[in-house]
């Protein structure tokens, strides 16, 4: 498990390149915010979280994979990630931050992703990926 990276993952690098190319500037992994969001836009009070489908149990073909060995341990581990995500989303919203959750599988479609990110960063509103329970599937 020591080989699992938490920062500078391939999906994160794709999103960072897209966002920078759109002309937005951001900070990375601010430790003073709940969950150390992947991209932070302090002036806009917005953050982008990039979740791996497997680790955060997304409702897609990548997130539904059940490990064959030590399944109970891994299911408990993954479920604790989901619980932590819900808490972090609630804490960010309570602190006045708007949140966009991007899933690893969504990053495979960059054209749709660009529009979704642009809409999020150029408008005001709340949680962009649905309700808290919807983001933790």
N, C-alpha and C. Protein backbone atom coordinates (compact mmCIF):
# COMPACT_ATOMS: atom_id res chain seq x y z
N UNK A 1 0.81 -1.19 0.00
CA UNK A 1 0.00 0.00 0.00
C UNK A 1 0.86 1.26 0.00
N UNK A 2 2.12 1.11 0.32
CA UNK A 2 3.00 2.27 0.37
C UNK A 2 3.21 2.87 -1.02
N UNK A 3 2.88 2.12 -2.07
CA UNK A 3 3.05 2.62 -3.43
C UNK A 3 1.86 3.48 -3.89
N UNK A 4 0.79 3.51 -3.10
CA UNK A 4 -0.39 4.31 -3.45
C UNK A 4 -0.09 5.77 -3.16
N UNK A 5 -0.18 6.58 -4.21
CA UNK A 5 0.12 8.00 -4.06
C UNK A 5 -1.14 8.78 -3.67
N UNK A 6 -0.95 9.81 -2.88
CA UNK A 6 -2.06 10.67 -2.49
C UNK A 6 -2.01 12.01 -3.20
N UNK A 7 -0.87 12.34 -3.76
CA UNK A 7 -0.68 13.62 -4.44
C UNK A 7 -0.07 13.35 -5.82
N UNK A 8 -0.29 14.30 -6.71
CA UNK A 8 0.31 14.25 -8.04
C UNK A 8 -0.02 12.97 -8.79
N UNK A 9 -1.24 12.48 -8.64
CA UNK A 9 -1.67 11.30 -9.37
C UNK A 9 -1.94 11.67 -10.83
N UNK A 10 -2.03 10.69 -11.68
CA UNK A 10 -2.28 10.96 -13.09
C UNK A 10 -3.59 11.73 -13.31
N UNK A 11 -4.71 11.31 -12.69
CA UNK A 11 -5.95 12.08 -12.87
C UNK A 11 -5.81 13.53 -12.37
N UNK A 12 -5.11 13.70 -11.27
CA UNK A 12 -4.90 15.05 -10.74
C UNK A 12 -4.08 15.90 -11.70
N UNK A 13 -3.06 15.33 -12.28
CA UNK A 13 -2.21 16.08 -13.21
C UNK A 13 -3.00 16.47 -14.46
N UNK A 14 -3.89 15.61 -14.93
CA UNK A 14 -4.73 15.93 -16.09
C UNK A 14 -5.61 17.13 -15.77
N UNK A 15 -6.25 17.11 -14.62
CA UNK A 15 -7.14 18.20 -14.22
C UNK A 15 -6.35 19.49 -14.03
N UNK A 16 -5.20 19.40 -13.39
CA UNK A 16 -4.37 20.60 -13.17
C UNK A 16 -3.97 21.23 -14.50
N UNK A 17 -3.61 20.41 -15.47
CA UNK A 17 -3.21 20.93 -16.78
C UNK A 17 -4.40 21.61 -17.47
N UNK A 18 -5.58 20.98 -17.39
CA UNK A 18 -6.78 21.59 -17.99
C UNK A 18 -7.12 22.92 -17.35
N UNK A 19 -7.12 22.95 -16.03
CA UNK A 19 -7.49 24.17 -15.30
C UNK A 19 -6.49 25.29 -15.58
N UNK A 20 -5.22 24.97 -15.57
CA UNK A 20 -4.20 25.98 -15.85
C UNK A 20 -4.34 26.49 -17.28
N UNK A 21 -4.64 25.60 -18.22
CA UNK A 21 -4.84 25.99 -19.61
C UNK A 21 -6.06 26.88 -19.81
N UNK A 22 -7.03 26.79 -18.91
CA UNK A 22 -8.22 27.65 -18.97
C UNK A 22 -7.94 29.02 -18.36
N UNK A 23 -6.76 29.20 -17.78
CA UNK A 23 -6.39 30.49 -17.24
C UNK A 23 -6.65 30.67 -15.75
N UNK A 24 -7.05 29.63 -15.07
CA UNK A 24 -7.29 29.71 -13.63
C UNK A 24 -6.02 29.33 -12.88
N UNK A 25 -5.76 30.04 -11.78
CA UNK A 25 -4.62 29.72 -10.94
C UNK A 25 -5.12 29.18 -9.61
N UNK A 26 -4.37 28.30 -9.03
CA UNK A 26 -4.84 27.57 -7.86
C UNK A 26 -3.68 27.25 -6.93
N UNK A 27 -4.02 26.79 -5.76
CA UNK A 27 -3.06 26.28 -4.78
C UNK A 27 -3.31 24.79 -4.64
N UNK A 28 -2.29 24.06 -4.21
CA UNK A 28 -2.40 22.61 -4.09
C UNK A 28 -2.43 22.17 -2.64
N UNK A 29 -3.33 21.25 -2.32
CA UNK A 29 -3.33 20.50 -1.07
C UNK A 29 -3.14 21.36 0.18
N UNK A 30 -4.00 22.37 0.33
CA UNK A 30 -3.88 23.23 1.52
C UNK A 30 -4.18 22.44 2.78
N UNK A 31 -3.20 22.38 3.65
CA UNK A 31 -3.31 21.56 4.85
C UNK A 31 -4.28 22.14 5.87
N UNK A 32 -4.60 23.42 5.74
CA UNK A 32 -5.52 24.02 6.72
C UNK A 32 -6.99 23.80 6.36
N UNK A 33 -7.26 23.13 5.26
CA UNK A 33 -8.64 22.83 4.86
C UNK A 33 -8.94 21.35 5.08
N UNK A 34 -10.18 21.02 5.42
CA UNK A 34 -10.54 19.62 5.65
C UNK A 34 -10.27 18.76 4.40
N UNK A 35 -9.56 17.68 4.58
CA UNK A 35 -9.30 16.75 3.50
C UNK A 35 -8.18 17.15 2.57
N UNK A 36 -7.50 18.27 2.83
CA UNK A 36 -6.43 18.77 1.96
C UNK A 36 -6.84 18.69 0.49
N UNK A 37 -7.79 19.52 0.05
CA UNK A 37 -8.31 19.44 -1.32
C UNK A 37 -7.19 19.49 -2.37
N UNK A 38 -7.43 18.81 -3.49
CA UNK A 38 -6.43 18.72 -4.54
C UNK A 38 -6.12 20.08 -5.17
N UNK A 39 -7.16 20.84 -5.53
CA UNK A 39 -6.98 22.17 -6.09
C UNK A 39 -7.82 23.15 -5.27
N UNK A 40 -7.20 24.26 -4.88
CA UNK A 40 -7.87 25.26 -4.06
C UNK A 40 -7.79 26.59 -4.79
N UNK A 41 -8.95 27.25 -4.91
CA UNK A 41 -9.04 28.57 -5.54
C UNK A 41 -9.44 29.54 -4.44
N UNK A 42 -8.45 30.09 -3.71
CA UNK A 42 -8.75 30.88 -2.51
C UNK A 42 -9.62 32.11 -2.79
N UNK A 43 -9.34 32.83 -3.86
CA UNK A 43 -10.11 34.03 -4.17
C UNK A 43 -11.56 33.71 -4.46
N UNK A 44 -11.82 32.57 -5.07
CA UNK A 44 -13.18 32.16 -5.42
C UNK A 44 -13.87 31.39 -4.29
N UNK A 45 -13.08 30.99 -3.28
CA UNK A 45 -13.57 30.13 -2.18
C UNK A 45 -14.17 28.84 -2.74
N UNK A 46 -13.43 28.22 -3.65
CA UNK A 46 -13.85 26.97 -4.28
C UNK A 46 -12.70 25.97 -4.23
N UNK A 47 -13.08 24.69 -4.18
CA UNK A 47 -12.08 23.62 -4.20
C UNK A 47 -12.54 22.53 -5.15
N UNK A 48 -11.56 21.82 -5.69
CA UNK A 48 -11.83 20.64 -6.52
C UNK A 48 -11.17 19.45 -5.87
N UNK A 49 -11.97 18.41 -5.66
CA UNK A 49 -11.47 17.15 -5.13
C UNK A 49 -11.48 16.12 -6.27
N UNK A 50 -10.41 15.38 -6.40
CA UNK A 50 -10.32 14.35 -7.44
C UNK A 50 -10.24 13.00 -6.73
N UNK A 51 -11.30 12.22 -6.90
CA UNK A 51 -11.40 10.94 -6.21
C UNK A 51 -11.14 9.78 -7.16
N UNK A 52 -10.38 8.81 -6.69
CA UNK A 52 -10.21 7.56 -7.41
C UNK A 52 -11.47 6.72 -7.23
N UNK A 53 -11.97 6.17 -8.30
CA UNK A 53 -13.23 5.42 -8.25
C UNK A 53 -13.15 4.22 -7.32
N UNK A 54 -12.06 3.50 -7.33
CA UNK A 54 -11.94 2.32 -6.48
C UNK A 54 -11.87 2.72 -5.00
N UNK A 55 -11.00 3.66 -4.67
CA UNK A 55 -10.74 4.01 -3.28
C UNK A 55 -11.90 4.71 -2.61
N UNK A 56 -12.73 5.39 -3.39
CA UNK A 56 -13.83 6.17 -2.81
C UNK A 56 -15.20 5.59 -3.19
N UNK A 57 -15.22 4.36 -3.69
CA UNK A 57 -16.43 3.58 -4.01
C UNK A 57 -17.41 4.37 -4.89
N UNK A 58 -16.96 4.74 -6.06
CA UNK A 58 -17.84 5.39 -7.03
C UNK A 58 -18.73 4.35 -7.68
N UNK A 59 -19.92 4.77 -8.09
CA UNK A 59 -20.86 3.84 -8.72
C UNK A 59 -20.57 3.74 -10.22
N UNK A 60 -19.42 3.17 -10.54
CA UNK A 60 -19.04 2.93 -11.93
C UNK A 60 -18.34 1.58 -11.97
N UNK A 61 -17.94 1.15 -13.13
CA UNK A 61 -17.33 -0.18 -13.23
C UNK A 61 -16.01 -0.26 -12.47
N UNK A 62 -15.33 0.84 -12.31
CA UNK A 62 -14.05 0.84 -11.61
C UNK A 62 -14.24 0.83 -10.09
N UNK A 63 -15.32 1.42 -9.63
CA UNK A 63 -15.57 1.52 -8.20
C UNK A 63 -16.25 0.31 -7.61
N UNK A 64 -16.88 -0.50 -8.45
CA UNK A 64 -17.62 -1.67 -7.96
C UNK A 64 -16.76 -2.92 -7.84
N UNK A 65 -15.49 -2.84 -8.17
CA UNK A 65 -14.60 -3.99 -8.12
C UNK A 65 -14.48 -4.46 -6.67
N UNK A 66 -14.63 -5.75 -6.48
CA UNK A 66 -14.49 -6.34 -5.15
C UNK A 66 -13.17 -7.11 -5.11
N UNK A 67 -12.30 -6.78 -4.16
CA UNK A 67 -11.03 -7.50 -4.09
C UNK A 67 -11.25 -8.97 -3.76
N UNK A 68 -10.40 -9.82 -4.32
CA UNK A 68 -10.55 -11.26 -4.11
C UNK A 68 -9.88 -11.73 -2.82
N UNK A 69 -8.83 -11.06 -2.42
CA UNK A 69 -8.15 -11.45 -1.19
C UNK A 69 -8.37 -10.39 -0.12
N UNK A 70 -8.58 -10.84 1.10
CA UNK A 70 -8.78 -9.97 2.25
C UNK A 70 -9.90 -8.96 2.00
N UNK A 71 -10.98 -9.44 1.41
CA UNK A 71 -12.09 -8.58 0.97
C UNK A 71 -12.69 -7.76 2.11
N UNK A 72 -12.84 -8.35 3.26
CA UNK A 72 -13.46 -7.64 4.38
C UNK A 72 -12.61 -6.43 4.80
N UNK A 73 -11.31 -6.62 4.88
CA UNK A 73 -10.40 -5.52 5.23
C UNK A 73 -10.53 -4.38 4.23
N UNK A 74 -10.47 -4.71 2.94
CA UNK A 74 -10.49 -3.66 1.92
C UNK A 74 -11.84 -2.97 1.86
N UNK A 75 -12.93 -3.71 2.07
CA UNK A 75 -14.24 -3.07 2.07
C UNK A 75 -14.36 -2.10 3.25
N UNK A 76 -13.86 -2.50 4.40
CA UNK A 76 -13.87 -1.62 5.57
C UNK A 76 -13.02 -0.37 5.31
N UNK A 77 -11.85 -0.57 4.73
CA UNK A 77 -10.95 0.54 4.41
C UNK A 77 -11.60 1.51 3.44
N UNK A 78 -12.19 0.99 2.38
CA UNK A 78 -12.83 1.84 1.38
C UNK A 78 -14.04 2.56 1.96
N UNK A 79 -14.82 1.87 2.80
CA UNK A 79 -15.99 2.49 3.40
C UNK A 79 -15.58 3.61 4.35
N UNK A 80 -14.46 3.45 5.05
CA UNK A 80 -13.99 4.53 5.93
C UNK A 80 -13.58 5.75 5.11
N UNK A 81 -13.08 5.53 3.89
CA UNK A 81 -12.77 6.66 3.00
C UNK A 81 -14.04 7.43 2.66
N UNK A 82 -15.12 6.71 2.40
CA UNK A 82 -16.39 7.35 2.04
C UNK A 82 -16.91 8.17 3.22
N UNK A 83 -16.85 7.62 4.41
CA UNK A 83 -17.31 8.34 5.60
C UNK A 83 -16.47 9.59 5.80
N UNK A 84 -15.15 9.47 5.66
CA UNK A 84 -14.26 10.62 5.79
C UNK A 84 -14.57 11.68 4.73
N UNK A 85 -14.84 11.24 3.50
CA UNK A 85 -15.19 12.18 2.42
C UNK A 85 -16.44 12.98 2.77
N UNK A 86 -17.45 12.31 3.30
CA UNK A 86 -18.70 13.00 3.66
C UNK A 86 -18.44 14.04 4.73
N UNK A 87 -17.62 13.69 5.72
CA UNK A 87 -17.30 14.64 6.78
C UNK A 87 -16.53 15.84 6.22
N UNK A 88 -15.56 15.57 5.35
CA UNK A 88 -14.77 16.66 4.77
C UNK A 88 -15.65 17.58 3.91
N UNK A 89 -16.56 17.01 3.13
CA UNK A 89 -17.46 17.83 2.32
C UNK A 89 -18.34 18.71 3.20
N UNK A 90 -18.86 18.14 4.27
CA UNK A 90 -19.70 18.91 5.18
C UNK A 90 -18.89 20.02 5.86
N UNK A 91 -17.67 19.71 6.28
CA UNK A 91 -16.82 20.71 6.93
C UNK A 91 -16.45 21.84 5.96
N UNK A 92 -16.16 21.50 4.72
CA UNK A 92 -15.83 22.53 3.73
C UNK A 92 -17.04 23.43 3.47
N UNK A 93 -18.21 22.82 3.31
CA UNK A 93 -19.43 23.61 3.08
C UNK A 93 -19.72 24.51 4.27
N UNK A 94 -19.54 23.99 5.47
CA UNK A 94 -19.79 24.78 6.68
C UNK A 94 -18.82 25.96 6.77
N UNK A 95 -17.61 25.78 6.27
CA UNK A 95 -16.61 26.85 6.29
C UNK A 95 -16.79 27.83 5.12
N UNK A 96 -17.79 27.59 4.28
CA UNK A 96 -18.08 28.53 3.19
C UNK A 96 -17.37 28.23 1.88
N UNK A 97 -16.88 27.04 1.70
CA UNK A 97 -16.21 26.66 0.47
C UNK A 97 -17.17 25.90 -0.43
N UNK A 98 -17.12 26.20 -1.72
CA UNK A 98 -17.88 25.43 -2.71
C UNK A 98 -16.99 24.30 -3.20
N UNK A 99 -17.59 23.14 -3.44
CA UNK A 99 -16.81 21.93 -3.74
C UNK A 99 -17.27 21.31 -5.05
N UNK A 100 -16.31 20.93 -5.88
CA UNK A 100 -16.57 20.13 -7.07
C UNK A 100 -15.82 18.82 -6.90
N UNK A 101 -16.55 17.71 -6.94
CA UNK A 101 -15.93 16.39 -6.84
C UNK A 101 -15.84 15.81 -8.24
N UNK A 102 -14.61 15.50 -8.66
CA UNK A 102 -14.39 14.85 -9.95
C UNK A 102 -13.94 13.43 -9.69
N UNK A 103 -14.49 12.51 -10.46
CA UNK A 103 -14.15 11.10 -10.31
C UNK A 103 -13.16 10.71 -11.40
N UNK A 104 -12.33 9.76 -11.07
CA UNK A 104 -11.29 9.27 -11.99
C UNK A 104 -11.87 8.87 -13.34
N UNK A 105 -13.05 8.24 -13.35
CA UNK A 105 -13.65 7.80 -14.61
C UNK A 105 -14.12 8.99 -15.46
N UNK A 106 -14.47 10.11 -14.84
CA UNK A 106 -14.92 11.29 -15.58
C UNK A 106 -13.77 11.96 -16.31
N UNK A 107 -12.58 11.77 -15.82
CA UNK A 107 -11.41 12.43 -16.39
C UNK A 107 -11.06 11.82 -17.74
N UNK A 108 -11.63 10.67 -18.05
CA UNK A 108 -11.40 10.02 -19.34
C UNK A 108 -12.13 10.74 -20.48
N UNK A 109 -12.99 11.70 -20.14
CA UNK A 109 -13.75 12.47 -21.13
C UNK A 109 -13.43 13.95 -20.97
N UNK A 110 -12.27 14.39 -21.46
CA UNK A 110 -11.81 15.75 -21.18
C UNK A 110 -12.71 16.86 -21.73
N UNK A 111 -13.41 16.63 -22.85
CA UNK A 111 -14.27 17.69 -23.39
C UNK A 111 -15.40 18.02 -22.44
N UNK A 112 -16.06 17.00 -21.87
CA UNK A 112 -17.12 17.22 -20.90
C UNK A 112 -16.55 17.83 -19.62
N UNK A 113 -15.36 17.40 -19.27
CA UNK A 113 -14.72 17.86 -18.05
C UNK A 113 -14.42 19.35 -18.09
N UNK A 114 -13.93 19.84 -19.22
CA UNK A 114 -13.60 21.26 -19.36
C UNK A 114 -14.83 22.12 -19.11
N UNK A 115 -15.95 21.75 -19.69
CA UNK A 115 -17.17 22.54 -19.51
C UNK A 115 -17.66 22.49 -18.07
N UNK A 116 -17.56 21.33 -17.47
CA UNK A 116 -18.01 21.19 -16.08
C UNK A 116 -17.15 22.03 -15.14
N UNK A 117 -15.85 22.02 -15.33
CA UNK A 117 -14.95 22.81 -14.50
C UNK A 117 -15.17 24.29 -14.73
N UNK A 118 -15.31 24.70 -16.00
CA UNK A 118 -15.52 26.11 -16.31
C UNK A 118 -16.82 26.61 -15.67
N UNK A 119 -17.88 25.83 -15.78
CA UNK A 119 -19.15 26.20 -15.18
C UNK A 119 -19.00 26.36 -13.67
N UNK A 120 -18.33 25.43 -13.04
CA UNK A 120 -18.12 25.48 -11.60
C UNK A 120 -17.35 26.72 -11.18
N UNK A 121 -16.26 27.02 -11.88
CA UNK A 121 -15.40 28.12 -11.47
C UNK A 121 -15.96 29.49 -11.83
N UNK A 122 -16.82 29.57 -12.83
CA UNK A 122 -17.34 30.87 -13.27
C UNK A 122 -18.70 31.21 -12.68
N UNK A 123 -19.31 30.30 -11.95
CA UNK A 123 -20.62 30.59 -11.37
C UNK A 123 -20.55 30.47 -9.85
N UNK A 124 -21.60 30.96 -9.21
CA UNK A 124 -21.71 30.79 -7.77
C UNK A 124 -22.79 29.77 -7.49
N UNK A 125 -22.67 29.08 -6.42
CA UNK A 125 -23.63 28.04 -6.07
C UNK A 125 -23.09 27.20 -4.95
N UNK A 126 -23.52 25.97 -4.86
CA UNK A 126 -23.10 25.09 -3.79
C UNK A 126 -22.31 23.91 -4.29
N UNK A 127 -22.57 22.79 -3.73
CA UNK A 127 -21.89 21.55 -4.09
C UNK A 127 -22.27 21.19 -5.52
N UNK A 128 -21.29 21.00 -6.39
CA UNK A 128 -21.55 20.82 -7.80
C UNK A 128 -21.79 19.38 -8.23
N UNK A 129 -21.53 18.44 -7.37
CA UNK A 129 -21.68 17.05 -7.80
C UNK A 129 -22.89 16.39 -7.16
N UNK A 130 -23.83 17.15 -6.70
CA UNK A 130 -25.04 16.60 -6.12
C UNK A 130 -25.02 16.66 -4.62
N UNK A 131 -25.85 15.87 -4.00
CA UNK A 131 -25.92 15.87 -2.55
C UNK A 131 -24.71 15.14 -1.98
N UNK A 132 -24.51 15.28 -0.69
CA UNK A 132 -23.37 14.62 -0.06
C UNK A 132 -23.45 13.11 -0.22
N UNK A 133 -24.62 12.55 -0.11
CA UNK A 133 -24.73 11.10 -0.23
C UNK A 133 -24.48 10.64 -1.67
N UNK A 134 -24.83 11.48 -2.63
CA UNK A 134 -24.62 11.11 -4.03
C UNK A 134 -23.15 11.07 -4.38
N UNK A 135 -22.34 11.94 -3.78
CA UNK A 135 -20.92 11.97 -4.10
C UNK A 135 -20.16 10.82 -3.48
N UNK A 136 -20.75 10.13 -2.54
CA UNK A 136 -20.01 9.09 -1.84
C UNK A 136 -20.42 7.69 -2.25
N UNK A 137 -21.11 7.56 -3.36
CA UNK A 137 -21.56 6.22 -3.78
C UNK A 137 -20.44 5.28 -3.96
